[in-house]
Amino acid sequence: TEGKVLLVDGKLDLVPYHEISGGTTRDGETVFGSSEYQYLKSVDSSKDKKSPDYMEVVEIPVSQAGEVKIRERDSAGYVTELSSGKNLLEGESFAVGMGLKSANFSLQKKGDVYVLRVRGSGHGAGFSQFGGNEMAKGGSSAEEILKKYFPAMKLENL
């Protein structure tokens, strides 16, 4: 792709990437909270499930997290809102604060700990490095990979 750029309506814009999706990438408008990023579409990235780092099980003491419940998820399965007592928490902030690789997780209380099954690594928007690499190993060109992960963008010559 030397000498080429990805454009939205003829302009340069954000081209995010992450290590491993939860199996589907996330919609940019949801992740970044603005219609400015609606060109970042959710796409299938199920090859990410082949990664040895796709899922991680984490235990967090209830005493550290408080009484937590998942309230909302986005279309790709990432937690967008949790409650802790009377407080609402944003999913990404909770994940970062608890040292999780991703906000795509399930939450189960077992005694005095929460068991979280965390899928993927990173925010999940845009290009999945693992998924793109798997496509390349399967013979897909760089252009095909970029078209898959950024379907609303155009690859243009500089």
N, C-alpha and C. Protein backbone atom coordinates (compact mmCIF):
# COMPACT_ATOMS: atom_id res chain seq x y z
N THR A 1 0.81 -1.20 0.00
CA THR A 1 0.00 0.00 0.00
C THR A 1 0.86 1.26 0.00
N GLU A 2 2.15 1.10 -0.31
CA GLU A 2 3.03 2.28 -0.35
C GLU A 2 2.49 3.29 -1.34
N GLY A 3 2.45 4.55 -0.91
CA GLY A 3 1.98 5.62 -1.77
C GLY A 3 0.47 5.74 -1.82
N LYS A 4 -0.24 5.03 -0.92
CA LYS A 4 -1.70 5.08 -0.90
C LYS A 4 -2.18 5.47 0.50
N VAL A 5 -3.38 6.01 0.54
CA VAL A 5 -4.00 6.40 1.82
C VAL A 5 -5.48 5.99 1.80
N LEU A 6 -6.03 5.80 2.99
CA LEU A 6 -7.47 5.55 3.12
C LEU A 6 -8.17 6.88 3.34
N LEU A 7 -9.24 7.12 2.58
CA LEU A 7 -9.96 8.39 2.66
C LEU A 7 -11.45 8.18 2.90
N VAL A 8 -12.06 9.16 3.54
CA VAL A 8 -13.50 9.22 3.73
C VAL A 8 -13.95 10.50 3.04
N ASP A 9 -14.78 10.38 2.03
CA ASP A 9 -15.24 11.55 1.27
C ASP A 9 -14.07 12.42 0.83
N GLY A 10 -13.00 11.78 0.39
CA GLY A 10 -11.83 12.49 -0.12
C GLY A 10 -10.92 13.09 0.94
N LYS A 11 -11.18 12.79 2.22
CA LYS A 11 -10.38 13.37 3.31
C LYS A 11 -9.76 12.29 4.17
N LEU A 12 -8.60 12.63 4.75
CA LEU A 12 -7.97 11.74 5.73
C LEU A 12 -8.80 11.76 7.00
N ASP A 13 -8.90 10.61 7.65
CA ASP A 13 -9.63 10.55 8.91
C ASP A 13 -9.03 9.44 9.76
N LEU A 14 -9.57 9.26 10.94
CA LEU A 14 -9.09 8.28 11.89
C LEU A 14 -9.17 6.87 11.30
N VAL A 15 -8.08 6.11 11.43
CA VAL A 15 -8.03 4.72 10.98
C VAL A 15 -7.54 3.88 12.17
N PRO A 16 -8.45 3.58 13.11
CA PRO A 16 -8.03 2.88 14.33
C PRO A 16 -7.74 1.39 14.09
N TYR A 17 -6.98 0.84 14.99
CA TYR A 17 -6.69 -0.59 14.95
C TYR A 17 -6.61 -1.12 16.37
N HIS A 18 -6.72 -2.41 16.48
CA HIS A 18 -6.64 -3.09 17.77
C HIS A 18 -6.00 -4.46 17.53
N GLU A 19 -5.62 -5.11 18.61
CA GLU A 19 -4.91 -6.38 18.48
C GLU A 19 -5.82 -7.54 18.04
N ILE A 20 -6.90 -7.76 18.79
CA ILE A 20 -7.79 -8.89 18.53
C ILE A 20 -9.22 -8.45 18.84
N SER A 21 -10.14 -8.66 17.91
CA SER A 21 -11.53 -8.31 18.20
C SER A 21 -12.19 -9.44 18.98
N GLY A 22 -13.40 -9.21 19.41
CA GLY A 22 -14.18 -10.24 20.08
C GLY A 22 -14.89 -11.14 19.08
N GLY A 23 -14.52 -11.09 17.81
CA GLY A 23 -15.13 -11.88 16.75
C GLY A 23 -15.86 -11.01 15.74
N THR A 24 -16.18 -9.79 16.16
CA THR A 24 -16.81 -8.77 15.31
C THR A 24 -16.20 -7.44 15.71
N THR A 25 -15.85 -6.62 14.74
CA THR A 25 -15.33 -5.30 15.10
C THR A 25 -16.50 -4.40 15.48
N ARG A 26 -16.18 -3.27 16.06
CA ARG A 26 -17.21 -2.38 16.59
C ARG A 26 -17.49 -1.20 15.68
N ASP A 27 -18.68 -0.72 15.77
CA ASP A 27 -19.14 0.47 15.05
C ASP A 27 -18.46 1.70 15.64
N GLY A 28 -17.84 2.52 14.81
CA GLY A 28 -17.10 3.69 15.28
C GLY A 28 -17.94 4.72 16.00
N GLU A 29 -19.15 4.89 15.55
CA GLU A 29 -20.03 5.88 16.20
C GLU A 29 -20.29 5.48 17.66
N THR A 30 -20.45 4.19 17.90
CA THR A 30 -20.67 3.69 19.26
C THR A 30 -19.42 3.83 20.11
N VAL A 31 -18.28 3.42 19.57
CA VAL A 31 -17.02 3.44 20.33
C VAL A 31 -16.61 4.85 20.70
N PHE A 32 -16.66 5.75 19.74
CA PHE A 32 -16.15 7.11 19.95
C PHE A 32 -17.24 8.13 20.29
N GLY A 33 -18.50 7.67 20.33
CA GLY A 33 -19.60 8.52 20.78
C GLY A 33 -19.92 9.71 19.90
N SER A 34 -19.68 9.57 18.58
CA SER A 34 -19.95 10.69 17.69
C SER A 34 -20.27 10.18 16.28
N SER A 35 -21.24 10.82 15.64
CA SER A 35 -21.59 10.44 14.26
C SER A 35 -20.45 10.75 13.28
N GLU A 36 -19.48 11.51 13.72
CA GLU A 36 -18.30 11.81 12.91
C GLU A 36 -17.57 10.52 12.50
N TYR A 37 -17.74 9.45 13.28
CA TYR A 37 -17.03 8.19 13.02
C TYR A 37 -17.95 7.11 12.47
N GLN A 38 -19.08 7.50 11.88
CA GLN A 38 -20.02 6.52 11.34
C GLN A 38 -19.45 5.74 10.15
N TYR A 39 -18.37 6.21 9.57
CA TYR A 39 -17.72 5.50 8.47
C TYR A 39 -17.00 4.24 8.95
N LEU A 40 -16.78 4.11 10.26
CA LEU A 40 -16.16 2.91 10.82
C LEU A 40 -17.27 1.90 11.11
N LYS A 41 -17.39 0.92 10.24
CA LYS A 41 -18.48 -0.04 10.31
C LYS A 41 -18.07 -1.30 11.07
N SER A 42 -19.03 -1.92 11.71
CA SER A 42 -18.81 -3.21 12.36
C SER A 42 -18.74 -4.28 11.27
N VAL A 43 -17.70 -5.11 11.33
CA VAL A 43 -17.55 -6.19 10.35
C VAL A 43 -17.18 -7.50 11.06
N ASP A 44 -17.48 -8.61 10.40
CA ASP A 44 -17.12 -9.91 10.93
C ASP A 44 -15.59 -10.04 10.97
N SER A 45 -15.09 -10.50 12.09
CA SER A 45 -13.65 -10.79 12.22
C SER A 45 -13.50 -12.08 13.02
N SER A 46 -14.28 -13.09 12.63
CA SER A 46 -14.34 -14.34 13.38
C SER A 46 -13.02 -15.10 13.38
N LYS A 47 -12.11 -14.79 12.46
CA LYS A 47 -10.79 -15.43 12.48
C LYS A 47 -10.03 -15.09 13.76
N ASP A 48 -10.42 -14.00 14.43
CA ASP A 48 -9.77 -13.62 15.68
C ASP A 48 -9.95 -14.69 16.76
N LYS A 49 -10.99 -15.48 16.65
CA LYS A 49 -11.24 -16.53 17.64
C LYS A 49 -10.17 -17.62 17.61
N LYS A 50 -9.37 -17.65 16.54
CA LYS A 50 -8.26 -18.61 16.44
C LYS A 50 -7.05 -18.20 17.27
N SER A 51 -7.00 -16.95 17.69
CA SER A 51 -5.85 -16.45 18.44
C SER A 51 -5.73 -17.17 19.78
N PRO A 52 -4.50 -17.57 20.15
CA PRO A 52 -4.31 -18.17 21.48
C PRO A 52 -4.60 -17.16 22.60
N ASP A 53 -4.63 -15.87 22.26
CA ASP A 53 -4.91 -14.82 23.24
C ASP A 53 -6.33 -14.28 23.12
N TYR A 54 -7.20 -15.01 22.41
CA TYR A 54 -8.57 -14.54 22.19
C TYR A 54 -9.34 -14.38 23.50
N MET A 55 -9.21 -15.35 24.41
CA MET A 55 -9.97 -15.27 25.66
C MET A 55 -9.06 -15.40 26.86
N GLU A 56 -9.38 -14.59 27.86
CA GLU A 56 -8.65 -14.61 29.12
C GLU A 56 -9.68 -14.65 30.25
N VAL A 57 -9.42 -15.48 31.26
CA VAL A 57 -10.29 -15.53 32.43
C VAL A 57 -9.61 -14.75 33.55
N VAL A 58 -10.34 -13.80 34.09
CA VAL A 58 -9.81 -12.92 35.14
C VAL A 58 -10.74 -13.00 36.34
N GLU A 59 -10.15 -13.06 37.52
CA GLU A 59 -10.95 -13.03 38.74
C GLU A 59 -10.68 -11.71 39.46
N ILE A 60 -11.77 -11.06 39.88
CA ILE A 60 -11.68 -9.79 40.59
C ILE A 60 -12.47 -9.92 41.89
N PRO A 61 -11.85 -9.63 43.02
CA PRO A 61 -12.59 -9.71 44.29
C PRO A 61 -13.78 -8.74 44.30
N VAL A 62 -14.89 -9.20 44.82
CA VAL A 62 -16.07 -8.35 44.94
C VAL A 62 -15.73 -7.12 45.76
N SER A 63 -14.86 -7.29 46.75
CA SER A 63 -14.47 -6.15 47.60
C SER A 63 -13.76 -5.06 46.80
N GLN A 64 -13.13 -5.42 45.69
CA GLN A 64 -12.44 -4.43 44.85
C GLN A 64 -13.40 -3.75 43.88
N ALA A 65 -14.34 -4.51 43.35
CA ALA A 65 -15.22 -3.98 42.30
C ALA A 65 -16.57 -3.48 42.83
N GLY A 66 -16.99 -3.94 43.98
CA GLY A 66 -18.32 -3.60 44.47
C GLY A 66 -19.35 -4.50 43.82
N GLU A 67 -20.62 -4.21 44.04
CA GLU A 67 -21.70 -4.99 43.43
C GLU A 67 -21.91 -4.50 42.00
N VAL A 68 -21.41 -5.24 41.04
CA VAL A 68 -21.40 -4.81 39.64
C VAL A 68 -22.36 -5.66 38.80
N LYS A 69 -23.09 -4.99 37.91
CA LYS A 69 -23.97 -5.68 36.97
C LYS A 69 -23.82 -5.04 35.60
N ILE A 70 -23.77 -5.88 34.57
CA ILE A 70 -23.73 -5.39 33.19
C ILE A 70 -25.13 -4.93 32.81
N ARG A 71 -25.23 -3.70 32.31
CA ARG A 71 -26.53 -3.13 31.93
C ARG A 71 -26.73 -3.09 30.42
N GLU A 72 -25.66 -2.77 29.67
CA GLU A 72 -25.80 -2.65 28.21
C GLU A 72 -24.55 -3.14 27.50
N ARG A 73 -24.77 -3.68 26.31
CA ARG A 73 -23.70 -4.09 25.40
C ARG A 73 -23.98 -3.47 24.03
N ASP A 74 -22.94 -3.33 23.23
CA ASP A 74 -23.16 -2.87 21.86
C ASP A 74 -23.39 -4.08 20.96
N SER A 75 -23.60 -3.84 19.68
CA SER A 75 -23.93 -4.92 18.74
C SER A 75 -22.80 -5.94 18.58
N ALA A 76 -21.57 -5.59 18.93
CA ALA A 76 -20.43 -6.51 18.83
C ALA A 76 -20.17 -7.24 20.15
N GLY A 77 -20.99 -6.98 21.16
CA GLY A 77 -20.86 -7.68 22.43
C GLY A 77 -20.04 -6.99 23.50
N TYR A 78 -19.51 -5.81 23.19
CA TYR A 78 -18.69 -5.08 24.16
C TYR A 78 -19.59 -4.39 25.18
N VAL A 79 -19.19 -4.46 26.44
CA VAL A 79 -19.97 -3.84 27.51
C VAL A 79 -19.85 -2.32 27.37
N THR A 80 -20.99 -1.65 27.32
CA THR A 80 -20.98 -0.19 27.22
C THR A 80 -21.39 0.48 28.52
N GLU A 81 -22.14 -0.27 29.36
CA GLU A 81 -22.58 0.33 30.62
C GLU A 81 -22.74 -0.75 31.69
N LEU A 82 -22.26 -0.43 32.89
CA LEU A 82 -22.41 -1.28 34.07
C LEU A 82 -22.98 -0.44 35.19
N SER A 83 -23.52 -1.12 36.19
CA SER A 83 -23.92 -0.40 37.39
C SER A 83 -23.13 -0.97 38.56
N SER A 84 -22.78 -0.09 39.46
CA SER A 84 -22.12 -0.47 40.70
C SER A 84 -22.87 0.27 41.80
N GLY A 85 -23.76 -0.46 42.47
CA GLY A 85 -24.65 0.21 43.42
C GLY A 85 -25.54 1.16 42.65
N LYS A 86 -25.53 2.43 43.02
CA LYS A 86 -26.34 3.45 42.34
C LYS A 86 -25.57 4.16 41.23
N ASN A 87 -24.30 3.81 41.07
CA ASN A 87 -23.45 4.48 40.07
C ASN A 87 -23.48 3.75 38.73
N LEU A 88 -23.46 4.52 37.64
CA LEU A 88 -23.31 3.96 36.30
C LEU A 88 -21.86 4.09 35.88
N LEU A 89 -21.35 3.04 35.26
CA LEU A 89 -19.97 3.02 34.80
C LEU A 89 -19.93 2.76 33.31
N GLU A 90 -19.00 3.39 32.63
CA GLU A 90 -18.79 3.17 31.20
C GLU A 90 -17.92 1.92 31.05
N GLY A 91 -18.27 1.05 30.09
CA GLY A 91 -17.60 -0.24 29.93
C GLY A 91 -16.10 -0.16 29.70
N GLU A 92 -15.68 0.73 28.79
CA GLU A 92 -14.24 0.88 28.50
C GLU A 92 -13.49 1.35 29.73
N SER A 93 -14.05 2.29 30.46
CA SER A 93 -13.39 2.81 31.66
C SER A 93 -13.25 1.72 32.71
N PHE A 94 -14.30 0.93 32.89
CA PHE A 94 -14.24 -0.18 33.84
C PHE A 94 -13.14 -1.16 33.43
N ALA A 95 -13.11 -1.52 32.14
CA ALA A 95 -12.10 -2.47 31.66
C ALA A 95 -10.69 -1.96 31.91
N VAL A 96 -10.44 -0.70 31.60
CA VAL A 96 -9.12 -0.11 31.82
C VAL A 96 -8.79 -0.10 33.31
N GLY A 97 -9.75 0.34 34.13
CA GLY A 97 -9.54 0.44 35.56
C GLY A 97 -9.26 -0.91 36.22
N MET A 98 -9.82 -1.96 35.67
CA MET A 98 -9.63 -3.30 36.22
C MET A 98 -8.49 -4.06 35.54
N GLY A 99 -7.84 -3.39 34.57
CA GLY A 99 -6.71 -4.03 33.90
C GLY A 99 -7.11 -5.11 32.91
N LEU A 100 -8.33 -5.03 32.36
CA LEU A 100 -8.80 -6.01 31.39
C LEU A 100 -8.28 -5.65 30.00
N LYS A 101 -8.08 -6.65 29.16
CA LYS A 101 -7.58 -6.41 27.80
C LYS A 101 -8.65 -5.81 26.88
N SER A 102 -9.92 -5.96 27.28
CA SER A 102 -11.02 -5.55 26.41
C SER A 102 -12.27 -5.33 27.25
N ALA A 103 -13.20 -4.56 26.70
CA ALA A 103 -14.49 -4.37 27.35
C ALA A 103 -15.51 -5.40 26.87
N ASN A 104 -15.07 -6.40 26.13
CA ASN A 104 -15.94 -7.49 25.70
C ASN A 104 -15.76 -8.62 26.72
N PHE A 105 -16.63 -8.63 27.72
CA PHE A 105 -16.48 -9.63 28.77
C PHE A 105 -17.84 -10.05 29.32
N SER A 106 -17.84 -11.25 29.90
CA SER A 106 -18.99 -11.71 30.66
C SER A 106 -18.60 -11.61 32.13
N LEU A 107 -19.59 -11.57 32.98
CA LEU A 107 -19.35 -11.34 34.41
C LEU A 107 -20.21 -12.32 35.20
N GLN A 108 -19.55 -13.13 36.02
CA GLN A 108 -20.28 -14.08 36.85
C GLN A 108 -19.74 -14.01 38.27
N LYS A 109 -20.64 -13.84 39.23
CA LYS A 109 -20.24 -13.78 40.64
C LYS A 109 -20.19 -15.19 41.20
N LYS A 110 -19.04 -15.55 41.76
CA LYS A 110 -18.88 -16.84 42.42
C LYS A 110 -18.32 -16.58 43.81
N GLY A 111 -19.20 -16.61 44.80
CA GLY A 111 -18.77 -16.34 46.17
C GLY A 111 -18.31 -14.90 46.31
N ASP A 112 -17.05 -14.73 46.71
CA ASP A 112 -16.53 -13.37 46.93
C ASP A 112 -15.67 -12.86 45.78
N VAL A 113 -15.79 -13.51 44.59
CA VAL A 113 -15.06 -13.03 43.41
C VAL A 113 -15.99 -12.97 42.20
N TYR A 114 -15.64 -12.09 41.27
CA TYR A 114 -16.27 -12.08 39.96
C TYR A 114 -15.32 -12.81 39.01
N VAL A 115 -15.89 -13.70 38.21
CA VAL A 115 -15.12 -14.38 37.17
C VAL A 115 -15.52 -13.72 35.85
N LEU A 116 -14.54 -13.13 35.18
CA LEU A 116 -14.78 -12.46 33.90
C LEU A 116 -14.10 -13.24 32.79
N ARG A 117 -14.85 -13.47 31.73
CA ARG A 117 -14.28 -14.07 30.52
C ARG A 117 -14.14 -12.93 29.52
N VAL A 118 -12.90 -12.54 29.28
CA VAL A 118 -12.60 -11.36 28.46
C VAL A 118 -12.24 -11.83 27.06
N ARG A 119 -12.92 -11.29 26.05
CA ARG A 119 -12.68 -11.66 24.65
C ARG A 119 -11.98 -10.53 23.93
N GLY A 120 -10.95 -10.89 23.19
CA GLY A 120 -10.23 -9.92 22.38
C GLY A 120 -9.26 -9.08 23.18
N SER A 121 -8.65 -8.13 22.48
CA SER A 121 -7.68 -7.22 23.11
C SER A 121 -7.75 -5.88 22.39
N GLY A 122 -8.11 -4.85 23.14
CA GLY A 122 -8.22 -3.51 22.56
C GLY A 122 -9.66 -3.05 22.46
N HIS A 123 -9.86 -1.88 21.85
CA HIS A 123 -11.19 -1.26 21.78
C HIS A 123 -12.11 -1.91 20.76
N GLY A 124 -11.56 -2.68 19.83
CA GLY A 124 -12.39 -3.42 18.87
C GLY A 124 -12.84 -2.64 17.65
N ALA A 125 -12.45 -1.38 17.51
CA ALA A 125 -12.88 -0.59 16.34
C ALA A 125 -11.84 -0.64 15.24
N GLY A 126 -12.31 -0.66 14.00
CA GLY A 126 -11.40 -0.59 12.85
C GLY A 126 -10.72 -1.91 12.55
N PHE A 127 -9.43 -1.84 12.33
CA PHE A 127 -8.63 -2.96 11.86
C PHE A 127 -8.21 -3.88 12.99
N SER A 128 -8.50 -5.17 12.82
CA SER A 128 -8.01 -6.19 13.76
C SER A 128 -6.68 -6.70 13.24
N GLN A 129 -5.63 -6.51 14.00
CA GLN A 129 -4.30 -6.96 13.56
C GLN A 129 -4.25 -8.47 13.38
N PHE A 130 -4.83 -9.21 14.32
CA PHE A 130 -4.81 -10.66 14.20
C PHE A 130 -5.65 -11.11 13.00
N GLY A 131 -6.86 -10.57 12.88
CA GLY A 131 -7.74 -10.95 11.78
C GLY A 131 -7.14 -10.61 10.42
N GLY A 132 -6.54 -9.43 10.32
CA GLY A 132 -5.89 -9.03 9.06
C GLY A 132 -4.73 -9.93 8.72
N ASN A 133 -3.96 -10.32 9.73
CA ASN A 133 -2.82 -11.21 9.50
C ASN A 133 -3.31 -12.59 9.04
N GLU A 134 -4.40 -13.07 9.63
CA GLU A 134 -4.97 -14.35 9.19
C GLU A 134 -5.44 -14.27 7.75
N MET A 135 -6.03 -13.16 7.37
CA MET A 135 -6.46 -12.99 5.97
C MET A 135 -5.25 -13.01 5.04
N ALA A 136 -4.18 -12.33 5.45
CA ALA A 136 -2.95 -12.30 4.63
C ALA A 136 -2.37 -13.70 4.48
N LYS A 137 -2.35 -14.47 5.56
CA LYS A 137 -1.86 -15.85 5.50
C LYS A 137 -2.70 -16.69 4.54
N GLY A 138 -3.99 -16.33 4.41
CA GLY A 138 -4.90 -17.04 3.52
C GLY A 138 -4.83 -16.55 2.08
N GLY A 139 -3.95 -15.58 1.81
CA GLY A 139 -3.75 -15.11 0.44
C GLY A 139 -4.42 -13.80 0.08
N SER A 140 -5.11 -13.18 1.03
CA SER A 140 -5.75 -11.88 0.73
C SER A 140 -4.69 -10.80 0.57
N SER A 141 -4.94 -9.89 -0.35
CA SER A 141 -4.02 -8.77 -0.57
C SER A 141 -4.26 -7.69 0.48
N ALA A 142 -3.33 -6.78 0.61
CA ALA A 142 -3.48 -5.66 1.54
C ALA A 142 -4.74 -4.87 1.21
N GLU A 143 -5.00 -4.68 -0.08
CA GLU A 143 -6.18 -3.93 -0.50
C GLU A 143 -7.47 -4.64 -0.07
N GLU A 144 -7.50 -5.97 -0.23
CA GLU A 144 -8.68 -6.75 0.17
C GLU A 144 -8.91 -6.66 1.68
N ILE A 145 -7.83 -6.73 2.42
CA ILE A 145 -7.91 -6.67 3.89
C ILE A 145 -8.44 -5.30 4.33
N LEU A 146 -7.89 -4.23 3.76
CA LEU A 146 -8.34 -2.89 4.12
C LEU A 146 -9.80 -2.67 3.72
N LYS A 147 -10.21 -3.20 2.57
CA LYS A 147 -11.60 -3.06 2.13
C LYS A 147 -12.54 -3.77 3.10
N LYS A 148 -12.11 -4.92 3.62
CA LYS A 148 -12.94 -5.64 4.59
C LYS A 148 -13.11 -4.83 5.87
N TYR A 149 -12.00 -4.35 6.44
CA TYR A 149 -12.05 -3.69 7.74
C TYR A 149 -12.50 -2.22 7.67
N PHE A 150 -12.37 -1.61 6.51
CA PHE A 150 -12.78 -0.21 6.34
C PHE A 150 -13.67 -0.10 5.08
N PRO A 151 -14.84 -0.75 5.09
CA PRO A 151 -15.66 -0.81 3.87
C PRO A 151 -16.19 0.54 3.38
N ALA A 152 -16.27 1.53 4.25
CA ALA A 152 -16.79 2.84 3.85
C ALA A 152 -15.67 3.80 3.44
N MET A 153 -14.43 3.31 3.45
CA MET A 153 -13.29 4.16 3.08
C MET A 153 -12.75 3.72 1.72
N LYS A 154 -12.06 4.63 1.06
CA LYS A 154 -11.49 4.31 -0.25
C LYS A 154 -9.97 4.42 -0.18
N LEU A 155 -9.30 3.43 -0.76
CA LEU A 155 -7.86 3.45 -0.86
C LEU A 155 -7.48 4.22 -2.12
N GLU A 156 -6.78 5.33 -1.93
CA GLU A 156 -6.43 6.21 -3.05
C GLU A 156 -4.93 6.43 -3.12
N ASN A 157 -4.45 6.75 -4.31
CA ASN A 157 -3.05 7.12 -4.48
C ASN A 157 -2.81 8.49 -3.90
N LEU A 158 -1.60 8.69 -3.34
CA LEU A 158 -1.23 10.02 -2.82
C LEU A 158 -1.14 11.02 -3.93
